[in-house]
Amino acid sequence: MWTITRAEAIEMYARFWTARYGNTASGSARRMASTLALKGDQEGNEAWTQVANTIDRRQQEKRQACREETVTSPSRLTS
């Protein structure tokens, strides 16, 4: 039987939520977390906050990679 860890589930939901909601994925996940907190579901709030944080981290890594590519691109053109 295949069992996933909580960290793997967070990553999977972050990828799905990003594919579904695009640039608004992090805010949407944070709204979900807030809604769950208001309903008294602290565990759900924590999980969706982690999803939002993962989305933010992945987007930051993507922006950083694009910046690094931009910095290295002019040197490739002169070679």
PDB file of N, CA and C in Angstrom:
ATOM      1  N   MET A   1       0.843  -1.179   0.000  1.00  0.00           N
ATOM      2  CA  MET A   1       0.000   0.000   0.000  1.00  0.00           C
ATOM      3  C   MET A   1       0.891   1.247   0.000  1.00  0.00           C
ATOM      4  N   TRP A   2       0.498   2.207  -0.795  1.00  0.00           N
ATOM      5  CA  TRP A   2       1.263   3.439  -0.920  1.00  0.00           C
ATOM      6  C   TRP A   2       0.680   4.487   0.011  1.00  0.00           C
ATOM      7  N   THR A   3       1.525   5.069   0.861  1.00  0.00           N
ATOM      8  CA  THR A   3       1.108   6.109   1.789  1.00  0.00           C
ATOM      9  C   THR A   3       1.978   7.335   1.567  1.00  0.00           C
ATOM     10  N   ILE A   4       1.328   8.494   1.489  1.00  0.00           N
ATOM     11  CA  ILE A   4       2.099   9.721   1.318  1.00  0.00           C
ATOM     12  C   ILE A   4       2.250  10.422   2.656  1.00  0.00           C
ATOM     13  N   THR A   5       3.316  11.183   2.775  1.00  0.00           N
ATOM     14  CA  THR A   5       3.538  11.951   3.995  1.00  0.00           C
ATOM     15  C   THR A   5       2.756  13.257   3.915  1.00  0.00           C
ATOM     16  N   ARG A   6       2.639  13.919   5.030  1.00  0.00           N
ATOM     17  CA  ARG A   6       1.964  15.218   5.053  1.00  0.00           C
ATOM     18  C   ARG A   6       2.707  16.221   4.163  1.00  0.00           C
ATOM     19  N   ALA A   7       4.031  16.191   4.216  1.00  0.00           N
ATOM     20  CA  ALA A   7       4.839  17.103   3.389  1.00  0.00           C
ATOM     21  C   ALA A   7       4.586  16.852   1.908  1.00  0.00           C
ATOM     22  N   GLU A   8       4.475  15.591   1.512  1.00  0.00           N
ATOM     23  CA  GLU A   8       4.183  15.268   0.122  1.00  0.00           C
ATOM     24  C   GLU A   8       2.785  15.752  -0.268  1.00  0.00           C
ATOM     25  N   ALA A   9       1.838  15.589   0.630  1.00  0.00           N
ATOM     26  CA  ALA A   9       0.470  16.048   0.368  1.00  0.00           C
ATOM     27  C   ALA A   9       0.433  17.567   0.205  1.00  0.00           C
ATOM     28  N   ILE A  10       1.176  18.280   1.040  1.00  0.00           N
ATOM     29  CA  ILE A  10       1.244  19.741   0.950  1.00  0.00           C
ATOM     30  C   ILE A  10       1.798  20.141  -0.420  1.00  0.00           C
ATOM     31  N   GLU A  11       2.881  19.501  -0.846  1.00  0.00           N
ATOM     32  CA  GLU A  11       3.480  19.787  -2.161  1.00  0.00           C
ATOM     33  C   GLU A  11       2.489  19.499  -3.288  1.00  0.00           C
ATOM     34  N   MET A  12       1.780  18.380  -3.198  1.00  0.00           N
ATOM     35  CA  MET A  12       0.817  18.015  -4.237  1.00  0.00           C
ATOM     36  C   MET A  12      -0.312  19.038  -4.322  1.00  0.00           C
ATOM     37  N   TYR A  13      -0.857  19.429  -3.165  1.00  0.00           N
ATOM     38  CA  TYR A  13      -1.925  20.425  -3.162  1.00  0.00           C
ATOM     39  C   TYR A  13      -1.419  21.771  -3.667  1.00  0.00           C
ATOM     40  N   ALA A  14      -0.201  22.126  -3.325  1.00  0.00           N
ATOM     41  CA  ALA A  14       0.364  23.399  -3.788  1.00  0.00           C
ATOM     42  C   ALA A  14       0.475  23.409  -5.311  1.00  0.00           C
ATOM     43  N   ARG A  15       0.934  22.308  -5.890  1.00  0.00           N
ATOM     44  CA  ARG A  15       1.024  22.224  -7.357  1.00  0.00           C
ATOM     45  C   ARG A  15      -0.365  22.282  -7.992  1.00  0.00           C
ATOM     46  N   PHE A  16      -1.302  21.526  -7.427  1.00  0.00           N
ATOM     47  CA  PHE A  16      -2.664  21.526  -7.960  1.00  0.00           C
ATOM     48  C   PHE A  16      -3.291  22.914  -7.849  1.00  0.00           C
ATOM     49  N   TRP A  17      -3.181  23.529  -6.673  1.00  0.00           N
ATOM     50  CA  TRP A  17      -3.805  24.835  -6.431  1.00  0.00           C
ATOM     51  C   TRP A  17      -3.219  25.890  -7.365  1.00  0.00           C
ATOM     52  N   THR A  18      -1.919  25.811  -7.618  1.00  0.00           N
ATOM     53  CA  THR A  18      -1.275  26.737  -8.541  1.00  0.00           C
ATOM     54  C   THR A  18      -1.785  26.515  -9.965  1.00  0.00           C
ATOM     55  N   ALA A  19      -1.925  25.265 -10.361  1.00  0.00           N
ATOM     56  CA  ALA A  19      -2.444  24.968 -11.699  1.00  0.00           C
ATOM     57  C   ALA A  19      -3.890  25.447 -11.827  1.00  0.00           C
ATOM     58  N   ARG A  20      -4.649  25.331 -10.766  1.00  0.00           N
ATOM     59  CA  ARG A  20      -6.070  25.706 -10.797  1.00  0.00           C
ATOM     60  C   ARG A  20      -6.268  27.211 -10.728  1.00  0.00           C
ATOM     61  N   TYR A  21      -5.516  27.896  -9.851  1.00  0.00           N
ATOM     62  CA  TYR A  21      -5.767  29.307  -9.571  1.00  0.00           C
ATOM     63  C   TYR A  21      -4.679  30.259 -10.072  1.00  0.00           C
ATOM     64  N   GLY A  22      -3.600  29.732 -10.617  1.00  0.00           N
ATOM     65  CA  GLY A  22      -2.565  30.589 -11.193  1.00  0.00           C
ATOM     66  C   GLY A  22      -1.972  31.568 -10.200  1.00  0.00           C
ATOM     67  N   ASN A  23      -1.903  32.838 -10.605  1.00  0.00           N
ATOM     68  CA  ASN A  23      -1.274  33.875  -9.769  1.00  0.00           C
ATOM     69  C   ASN A  23      -2.030  34.161  -8.483  1.00  0.00           C
ATOM     70  N   THR A  24      -3.280  33.743  -8.384  1.00  0.00           N
ATOM     71  CA  THR A  24      -4.061  33.995  -7.171  1.00  0.00           C
ATOM     72  C   THR A  24      -4.073  32.789  -6.222  1.00  0.00           C
ATOM     73  N   ALA A  25      -3.257  31.778  -6.533  1.00  0.00           N
ATOM     74  CA  ALA A  25      -3.273  30.530  -5.765  1.00  0.00           C
ATOM     75  C   ALA A  25      -2.942  30.738  -4.286  1.00  0.00           C
ATOM     76  N   SER A  26      -1.916  31.502  -4.000  1.00  0.00           N
ATOM     77  CA  SER A  26      -1.511  31.699  -2.607  1.00  0.00           C
ATOM     78  C   SER A  26      -2.617  32.389  -1.808  1.00  0.00           C
ATOM     79  N   GLY A  27      -3.177  33.454  -2.366  1.00  0.00           N
ATOM     80  CA  GLY A  27      -4.252  34.160  -1.679  1.00  0.00           C
ATOM     81  C   GLY A  27      -5.473  33.283  -1.482  1.00  0.00           C
ATOM     82  N   SER A  28      -5.787  32.479  -2.484  1.00  0.00           N
ATOM     83  CA  SER A  28      -6.923  31.571  -2.391  1.00  0.00           C
ATOM     84  C   SER A  28      -6.697  30.528  -1.295  1.00  0.00           C
ATOM     85  N   ALA A  29      -5.490  29.995  -1.218  1.00  0.00           N
ATOM     86  CA  ALA A  29      -5.171  29.015  -0.172  1.00  0.00           C
ATOM     87  C   ALA A  29      -5.230  29.662   1.215  1.00  0.00           C
ATOM     88  N   ARG A  30      -4.788  30.908   1.311  1.00  0.00           N
ATOM     89  CA  ARG A  30      -4.859  31.608   2.604  1.00  0.00           C
ATOM     90  C   ARG A  30      -6.310  31.892   3.004  1.00  0.00           C
ATOM     91  N   ARG A  31      -7.154  32.200   2.030  1.00  0.00           N
ATOM     92  CA  ARG A  31      -8.582  32.383   2.334  1.00  0.00           C
ATOM     93  C   ARG A  31      -9.197  31.075   2.826  1.00  0.00           C
ATOM     94  N   MET A  32      -8.796  29.967   2.192  1.00  0.00           N
ATOM     95  CA  MET A  32      -9.276  28.652   2.635  1.00  0.00           C
ATOM     96  C   MET A  32      -8.834  28.400   4.075  1.00  0.00           C
ATOM     97  N   ALA A  33      -7.584  28.729   4.381  1.00  0.00           N
ATOM     98  CA  ALA A  33      -7.070  28.552   5.744  1.00  0.00           C
ATOM     99  C   ALA A  33      -7.871  29.390   6.740  1.00  0.00           C
ATOM    100  N   SER A  34      -8.159  30.635   6.376  1.00  0.00           N
ATOM    101  CA  SER A  34      -8.919  31.522   7.264  1.00  0.00           C
ATOM    102  C   SER A  34     -10.334  31.008   7.484  1.00  0.00           C
ATOM    103  N   THR A  35     -10.948  30.529   6.411  1.00  0.00           N
ATOM    104  CA  THR A  35     -12.302  29.985   6.519  1.00  0.00           C
ATOM    105  C   THR A  35     -12.332  28.803   7.483  1.00  0.00           C
ATOM    106  N   LEU A  36     -11.354  27.936   7.353  1.00  0.00           N
ATOM    107  CA  LEU A  36     -11.289  26.776   8.239  1.00  0.00           C
ATOM    108  C   LEU A  36     -11.035  27.191   9.685  1.00  0.00           C
ATOM    109  N   ALA A  37     -10.187  28.202   9.884  1.00  0.00           N
ATOM    110  CA  ALA A  37      -9.914  28.691  11.240  1.00  0.00           C
ATOM    111  C   ALA A  37     -11.194  29.244  11.866  1.00  0.00           C
ATOM    112  N   LEU A  38     -11.967  29.978  11.079  1.00  0.00           N
ATOM    113  CA  LEU A  38     -13.222  30.530  11.592  1.00  0.00           C
ATOM    114  C   LEU A  38     -14.212  29.442  11.980  1.00  0.00           C
ATOM    115  N   LYS A  39     -14.120  28.303  11.320  1.00  0.00           N
ATOM    116  CA  LYS A  39     -14.995  27.170  11.634  1.00  0.00           C
ATOM    117  C   LYS A  39     -14.434  26.310  12.768  1.00  0.00           C
ATOM    118  N   GLY A  40     -13.275  26.697  13.290  1.00  0.00           N
ATOM    119  CA  GLY A  40     -12.668  25.971  14.400  1.00  0.00           C
ATOM    120  C   GLY A  40     -11.779  24.813  13.991  1.00  0.00           C
ATOM    121  N   ASP A  41     -11.489  24.696  12.718  1.00  0.00           N
ATOM    122  CA  ASP A  41     -10.647  23.612  12.223  1.00  0.00           C
ATOM    123  C   ASP A  41      -9.194  24.081  12.182  1.00  0.00           C
ATOM    124  N   GLN A  42      -8.520  23.982  13.304  1.00  0.00           N
ATOM    125  CA  GLN A  42      -7.148  24.464  13.409  1.00  0.00           C
ATOM    126  C   GLN A  42      -6.200  23.622  12.569  1.00  0.00           C
ATOM    127  N   GLU A  43      -6.405  22.320  12.531  1.00  0.00           N
ATOM    128  CA  GLU A  43      -5.531  21.453  11.736  1.00  0.00           C
ATOM    129  C   GLU A  43      -5.663  21.786  10.246  1.00  0.00           C
ATOM    130  N   GLY A  44      -6.890  22.020   9.783  1.00  0.00           N
ATOM    131  CA  GLY A  44      -7.097  22.419   8.393  1.00  0.00           C
ATOM    132  C   GLY A  44      -6.469  23.763   8.094  1.00  0.00           C
ATOM    133  N   ASN A  45      -6.600  24.689   9.059  1.00  0.00           N
ATOM    134  CA  ASN A  45      -5.988  26.010   8.913  1.00  0.00           C
ATOM    135  C   ASN A  45      -4.474  25.885   8.760  1.00  0.00           C
ATOM    136  N   GLU A  46      -3.867  25.068   9.589  1.00  0.00           N
ATOM    137  CA  GLU A  46      -2.414  24.880   9.524  1.00  0.00           C
ATOM    138  C   GLU A  46      -2.001  24.249   8.192  1.00  0.00           C
ATOM    139  N   ALA A  47      -2.763  23.252   7.736  1.00  0.00           N
ATOM    140  CA  ALA A  47      -2.423  22.580   6.486  1.00  0.00           C
ATOM    141  C   ALA A  47      -2.514  23.551   5.304  1.00  0.00           C
ATOM    142  N   TRP A  48      -3.595  24.340   5.233  1.00  0.00           N
ATOM    143  CA  TRP A  48      -3.757  25.268   4.111  1.00  0.00           C
ATOM    144  C   TRP A  48      -2.783  26.439   4.190  1.00  0.00           C
ATOM    145  N   THR A  49      -2.391  26.810   5.395  1.00  0.00           N
ATOM    146  CA  THR A  49      -1.353  27.829   5.532  1.00  0.00           C
ATOM    147  C   THR A  49      -0.039  27.285   4.984  1.00  0.00           C
ATOM    148  N   GLN A  50       0.249  26.022   5.256  1.00  0.00           N
ATOM    149  CA  GLN A  50       1.458  25.403   4.712  1.00  0.00           C
ATOM    150  C   GLN A  50       1.381  25.304   3.188  1.00  0.00           C
ATOM    151  N   VAL A  51       0.192  25.019   2.657  1.00  0.00           N
ATOM    152  CA  VAL A  51       0.026  24.988   1.202  1.00  0.00           C
ATOM    153  C   VAL A  51       0.342  26.372   0.629  1.00  0.00           C
ATOM    154  N   ALA A  52      -0.221  27.417   1.239  1.00  0.00           N
ATOM    155  CA  ALA A  52       0.025  28.790   0.769  1.00  0.00           C
ATOM    156  C   ALA A  52       1.506  29.137   0.863  1.00  0.00           C
ATOM    157  N   ASN A  53       2.139  28.777   1.961  1.00  0.00           N
ATOM    158  CA  ASN A  53       3.572  29.044   2.118  1.00  0.00           C
ATOM    159  C   ASN A  53       4.395  28.309   1.061  1.00  0.00           C
ATOM    160  N   THR A  54       3.996  27.086   0.740  1.00  0.00           N
ATOM    161  CA  THR A  54       4.693  26.310  -0.284  1.00  0.00           C
ATOM    162  C   THR A  54       4.512  26.955  -1.650  1.00  0.00           C
ATOM    163  N   ILE A  55       3.305  27.424  -1.943  1.00  0.00           N
ATOM    164  CA  ILE A  55       3.062  28.121  -3.207  1.00  0.00           C
ATOM    165  C   ILE A  55       3.956  29.351  -3.292  1.00  0.00           C
ATOM    166  N   ASP A  56       3.996  30.128  -2.224  1.00  0.00           N
ATOM    167  CA  ASP A  56       4.853  31.329  -2.197  1.00  0.00           C
ATOM    168  C   ASP A  56       6.320  30.965  -2.411  1.00  0.00           C
ATOM    169  N   ARG A  57       6.770  29.908  -1.734  1.00  0.00           N
ATOM    170  CA  ARG A  57       8.171  29.484  -1.857  1.00  0.00           C
ATOM    171  C   ARG A  57       8.476  29.052  -3.293  1.00  0.00           C
ATOM    172  N   ARG A  58       7.589  28.264  -3.889  1.00  0.00           N
ATOM    173  CA  ARG A  58       7.804  27.791  -5.255  1.00  0.00           C
ATOM    174  C   ARG A  58       7.816  28.961  -6.238  1.00  0.00           C
ATOM    175  N   GLN A  59       6.914  29.935  -6.045  1.00  0.00           N
ATOM    176  CA  GLN A  59       6.882  31.102  -6.928  1.00  0.00           C
ATOM    177  C   GLN A  59       8.149  31.941  -6.764  1.00  0.00           C
ATOM    178  N   GLN A  60       8.623  32.077  -5.530  1.00  0.00           N
ATOM    179  CA  GLN A  60       9.862  32.817  -5.280  1.00  0.00           C
ATOM    180  C   GLN A  60      11.046  32.121  -5.948  1.00  0.00           C
ATOM    181  N   GLU A  61      11.105  30.801  -5.847  1.00  0.00           N
ATOM    182  CA  GLU A  61      12.182  30.045  -6.493  1.00  0.00           C
ATOM    183  C   GLU A  61      12.124  30.217  -8.012  1.00  0.00           C
ATOM    184  N   LYS A  62      10.918  30.219  -8.554  1.00  0.00           N
ATOM    185  CA  LYS A  62      10.755  30.402  -9.998  1.00  0.00           C
ATOM    186  C   LYS A  62      11.213  31.795 -10.426  1.00  0.00           C
ATOM    187  N   ARG A  63      10.834  32.825  -9.657  1.00  0.00           N
ATOM    188  CA  ARG A  63      11.283  34.185  -9.969  1.00  0.00           C
ATOM    189  C   ARG A  63      12.797  34.296  -9.880  1.00  0.00           C
ATOM    190  N   GLN A  64      13.388  33.664  -8.866  1.00  0.00           N
ATOM    191  CA  GLN A  64      14.841  33.695  -8.702  1.00  0.00           C
ATOM    192  C   GLN A  64      15.523  33.027  -9.883  1.00  0.00           C
ATOM    193  N   ALA A  65      15.009  31.902 -10.320  1.00  0.00           N
ATOM    194  CA  ALA A  65      15.598  31.203 -11.463  1.00  0.00           C
ATOM    195  C   ALA A  65      15.503  32.065 -12.719  1.00  0.00           C
ATOM    196  N   CYS A  66      14.396  32.773 -12.882  1.00  0.00           N
ATOM    197  CA  CYS A  66      14.246  33.656 -14.053  1.00  0.00           C
ATOM    198  C   CYS A  66      15.249  34.803 -13.987  1.00  0.00           C
ATOM    199  N   ARG A  67      15.450  35.356 -12.782  1.00  0.00           N
ATOM    200  CA  ARG A  67      16.438  36.433 -12.626  1.00  0.00           C
ATOM    201  C   ARG A  67      17.834  35.932 -12.952  1.00  0.00           C
ATOM    202  N   GLU A  68      18.167  34.749 -12.478  1.00  0.00           N
ATOM    203  CA  GLU A  68      19.491  34.188 -12.741  1.00  0.00           C
ATOM    204  C   GLU A  68      19.663  33.926 -14.228  1.00  0.00           C
ATOM    205  N   GLU A  69      18.621  33.465 -14.881  1.00  0.00           N
ATOM    206  CA  GLU A  69      18.680  33.236 -16.331  1.00  0.00           C
ATOM    207  C   GLU A  69      18.872  34.553 -17.065  1.00  0.00           C
ATOM    208  N   THR A  70      18.198  35.593 -16.620  1.00  0.00           N
ATOM    209  CA  THR A  70      18.331  36.912 -17.242  1.00  0.00           C
ATOM    210  C   THR A  70      19.749  37.440 -17.100  1.00  0.00           C
ATOM    211  N   VAL A  71      20.342  37.212 -15.951  1.00  0.00           N
ATOM    212  CA  VAL A  71      21.704  37.690 -15.701  1.00  0.00           C
ATOM    213  C   VAL A  71      22.697  36.948 -16.585  1.00  0.00           C
ATOM    214  N   THR A  72      22.496  35.660 -16.805  1.00  0.00           N
ATOM    215  CA  THR A  72      23.457  34.887 -17.591  1.00  0.00           C
ATOM    216  C   THR A  72      23.200  34.969 -19.091  1.00  0.00           C
ATOM    217  N   SER A  73      22.019  35.355 -19.502  1.00  0.00           N
ATOM    218  CA  SER A  73      21.688  35.371 -20.928  1.00  0.00           C
ATOM    219  C   SER A  73      22.562  36.299 -21.771  1.00  0.00           C
ATOM    220  N   PRO A  74      22.863  37.542 -21.350  1.00  0.00           N
ATOM    221  CA  PRO A  74      23.700  38.401 -22.203  1.00  0.00           C
ATOM    222  C   PRO A  74      25.079  37.812 -22.489  1.00  0.00           C
ATOM    223  N   SER A  75      25.671  37.116 -21.562  1.00  0.00           N
ATOM    224  CA  SER A  75      26.993  36.535 -21.807  1.00  0.00           C
ATOM    225  C   SER A  75      26.921  35.441 -22.863  1.00  0.00           C
ATOM    226  N   ARG A  76      25.812  34.751 -22.946  1.00  0.00           N
ATOM    227  CA  ARG A  76      25.650  33.714 -23.965  1.00  0.00           C
ATOM    228  C   ARG A  76      25.571  34.343 -25.361  1.00  0.00           C
ATOM    229  N   LEU A  77      24.968  35.499 -25.441  1.00  0.00           N
ATOM    230  CA  LEU A  77      24.812  36.153 -26.731  1.00  0.00           C
ATOM    231  C   LEU A  77      26.136  36.628 -27.313  1.00  0.00           C
ATOM    232  N   THR A  78      27.093  36.977 -26.468  1.00  0.00           N
ATOM    233  CA  THR A  78      28.378  37.486 -26.940  1.00  0.00           C
ATOM    234  C   THR A  78      29.363  36.383 -27.269  1.00  0.00           C
ATOM    235  N   SER A  79      29.074  35.144 -26.870  1.00  0.00           N
ATOM    236  CA  SER A  79      30.014  34.049 -27.128  1.00  0.00           C
ATOM    237  C   SER A  79      29.974  33.606 -28.563  1.00  0.00           C
TER     238      SER A  79
END
